[in-house]
Amino acid sequence: MDDAEFRRQERTLIRLIGVCMLAFALGMALWLYNERSGNISHRAIPPVQKAD
């Protein structure tokens, strides 16, 4: 592997890591917004009672 190819792969890896970190940060921001605004209920659905 020559030096130019190694640099290209390194830049690609850094970009992919940046995209992953951006996606994680956006996901956390969305979760925090939903948590603070109270618009979404996170309660579990009650179980269905079976008739015997």
N, C-alpha and C. Protein backbone atom coordinates (compact mmCIF):
# COMPACT_ATOMS: atom_id res chain seq x y z
N MET A 1 0.86 -1.18 0.00
CA MET A 1 0.00 0.00 0.00
C MET A 1 0.91 1.24 0.00
N ASP A 2 0.70 2.10 -0.97
CA ASP A 2 1.53 3.29 -1.03
C ASP A 2 0.99 4.37 -0.10
N ASP A 3 1.76 5.43 0.05
CA ASP A 3 1.44 6.49 1.01
C ASP A 3 0.15 7.24 0.66
N ALA A 4 -0.09 7.48 -0.63
CA ALA A 4 -1.29 8.21 -1.05
C ALA A 4 -2.56 7.42 -0.75
N GLU A 5 -2.52 6.13 -0.98
CA GLU A 5 -3.69 5.29 -0.70
C GLU A 5 -3.97 5.24 0.81
N PHE A 6 -2.91 5.17 1.59
CA PHE A 6 -3.07 5.16 3.04
C PHE A 6 -3.72 6.46 3.52
N ARG A 7 -3.30 7.60 2.98
CA ARG A 7 -3.90 8.88 3.36
C ARG A 7 -5.37 8.95 2.96
N ARG A 8 -5.69 8.42 1.77
CA ARG A 8 -7.08 8.43 1.31
C ARG A 8 -7.96 7.59 2.24
N GLN A 9 -7.47 6.42 2.62
CA GLN A 9 -8.22 5.57 3.54
C GLN A 9 -8.36 6.23 4.90
N GLU A 10 -7.31 6.90 5.35
CA GLU A 10 -7.36 7.58 6.64
C GLU A 10 -8.38 8.71 6.63
N ARG A 11 -8.42 9.51 5.55
CA ARG A 11 -9.42 10.58 5.43
C ARG A 11 -10.83 10.01 5.40
N THR A 12 -11.03 8.92 4.68
CA THR A 12 -12.34 8.29 4.62
C THR A 12 -12.78 7.81 6.00
N LEU A 13 -11.87 7.19 6.73
CA LEU A 13 -12.18 6.72 8.07
C LEU A 13 -12.54 7.87 8.99
N ILE A 14 -11.80 8.96 8.92
CA ILE A 14 -12.08 10.12 9.76
C ILE A 14 -13.44 10.70 9.43
N ARG A 15 -13.79 10.76 8.14
CA ARG A 15 -15.12 11.26 7.74
C ARG A 15 -16.22 10.36 8.27
N LEU A 16 -16.04 9.04 8.18
CA LEU A 16 -17.06 8.12 8.67
C LEU A 16 -17.23 8.23 10.19
N ILE A 17 -16.14 8.39 10.90
CA ILE A 17 -16.23 8.58 12.34
C ILE A 17 -16.97 9.87 12.65
N GLY A 18 -16.70 10.92 11.90
CA GLY A 18 -17.40 12.19 12.08
C GLY A 18 -18.89 12.07 11.83
N VAL A 19 -19.27 11.34 10.78
CA VAL A 19 -20.68 11.13 10.49
C VAL A 19 -21.36 10.36 11.62
N CYS A 20 -20.70 9.34 12.12
CA CYS A 20 -21.25 8.56 13.24
C CYS A 20 -21.42 9.42 14.49
N MET A 21 -20.44 10.25 14.78
CA MET A 21 -20.53 11.12 15.96
C MET A 21 -21.65 12.15 15.79
N LEU A 22 -21.81 12.67 14.58
CA LEU A 22 -22.89 13.62 14.30
C LEU A 22 -24.26 12.95 14.47
N ALA A 23 -24.40 11.73 13.95
CA ALA A 23 -25.67 11.01 14.09
C ALA A 23 -25.98 10.74 15.56
N PHE A 24 -24.96 10.37 16.33
CA PHE A 24 -25.16 10.12 17.75
C PHE A 24 -25.58 11.40 18.47
N ALA A 25 -24.91 12.52 18.17
CA ALA A 25 -25.24 13.79 18.80
C ALA A 25 -26.66 14.23 18.45
N LEU A 26 -27.07 14.06 17.19
CA LEU A 26 -28.44 14.42 16.80
C LEU A 26 -29.46 13.52 17.49
N GLY A 27 -29.15 12.25 17.62
CA GLY A 27 -30.05 11.34 18.32
C GLY A 27 -30.21 11.72 19.79
N MET A 28 -29.10 12.07 20.43
CA MET A 28 -29.17 12.48 21.83
C MET A 28 -29.93 13.80 21.98
N ALA A 29 -29.75 14.71 21.04
CA ALA A 29 -30.47 15.99 21.09
C ALA A 29 -31.97 15.76 20.92
N LEU A 30 -32.35 14.87 20.02
CA LEU A 30 -33.77 14.55 19.83
C LEU A 30 -34.35 13.89 21.07
N TRP A 31 -33.60 12.98 21.67
CA TRP A 31 -34.07 12.33 22.90
C TRP A 31 -34.25 13.37 24.01
N LEU A 32 -33.28 14.27 24.15
CA LEU A 32 -33.36 15.28 25.20
C LEU A 32 -34.54 16.22 24.95
N TYR A 33 -34.77 16.60 23.71
CA TYR A 33 -35.92 17.45 23.38
C TYR A 33 -37.23 16.76 23.76
N ASN A 34 -37.36 15.49 23.39
CA ASN A 34 -38.58 14.75 23.71
C ASN A 34 -38.74 14.57 25.22
N GLU A 35 -37.63 14.36 25.90
CA GLU A 35 -37.68 14.17 27.35
C GLU A 35 -38.10 15.45 28.06
N ARG A 36 -37.59 16.59 27.62
CA ARG A 36 -37.88 17.87 28.27
C ARG A 36 -39.26 18.41 27.89
N SER A 37 -39.69 18.18 26.64
CA SER A 37 -40.95 18.77 26.20
C SER A 37 -42.15 18.02 26.75
N GLY A 38 -42.00 16.75 27.02
CA GLY A 38 -43.11 15.96 27.56
C GLY A 38 -44.18 15.64 26.54
N ASN A 39 -43.88 15.80 25.25
CA ASN A 39 -44.87 15.53 24.22
C ASN A 39 -45.11 14.05 24.00
N ILE A 40 -44.12 13.23 24.30
CA ILE A 40 -44.22 11.80 24.05
C ILE A 40 -44.27 11.05 25.37
N SER A 41 -45.26 10.18 25.51
CA SER A 41 -45.38 9.38 26.71
C SER A 41 -44.52 8.13 26.56
N HIS A 42 -43.69 7.85 27.54
CA HIS A 42 -42.81 6.69 27.49
C HIS A 42 -43.31 5.56 28.40
N ARG A 43 -44.56 5.67 28.81
CA ARG A 43 -45.09 4.63 29.69
C ARG A 43 -45.41 3.37 28.89
N ALA A 44 -45.27 2.24 29.55
CA ALA A 44 -45.56 0.96 28.91
C ALA A 44 -47.06 0.79 28.74
N ILE A 45 -47.45 0.08 27.71
CA ILE A 45 -48.86 -0.22 27.49
C ILE A 45 -49.29 -1.27 28.51
N PRO A 46 -50.43 -1.06 29.18
CA PRO A 46 -50.86 -2.06 30.17
C PRO A 46 -51.19 -3.38 29.49
N PRO A 47 -50.93 -4.50 30.17
CA PRO A 47 -51.21 -5.80 29.58
C PRO A 47 -52.72 -6.02 29.39
N VAL A 48 -53.04 -6.80 28.39
CA VAL A 48 -54.43 -7.12 28.08
C VAL A 48 -54.90 -8.21 29.03
N GLN A 49 -56.07 -7.98 29.67
CA GLN A 49 -56.63 -8.97 30.58
C GLN A 49 -57.41 -10.00 29.77
N LYS A 50 -57.06 -11.27 29.95
CA LYS A 50 -57.76 -12.33 29.24
C LYS A 50 -59.00 -12.75 30.05
N ALA A 51 -60.10 -12.93 29.34
CA ALA A 51 -61.32 -13.40 29.99
C ALA A 51 -61.26 -14.91 30.14
N ASP A 52 -61.47 -15.39 31.37
CA ASP A 52 -61.43 -16.85 31.61
C ASP A 52 -62.80 -17.46 31.50
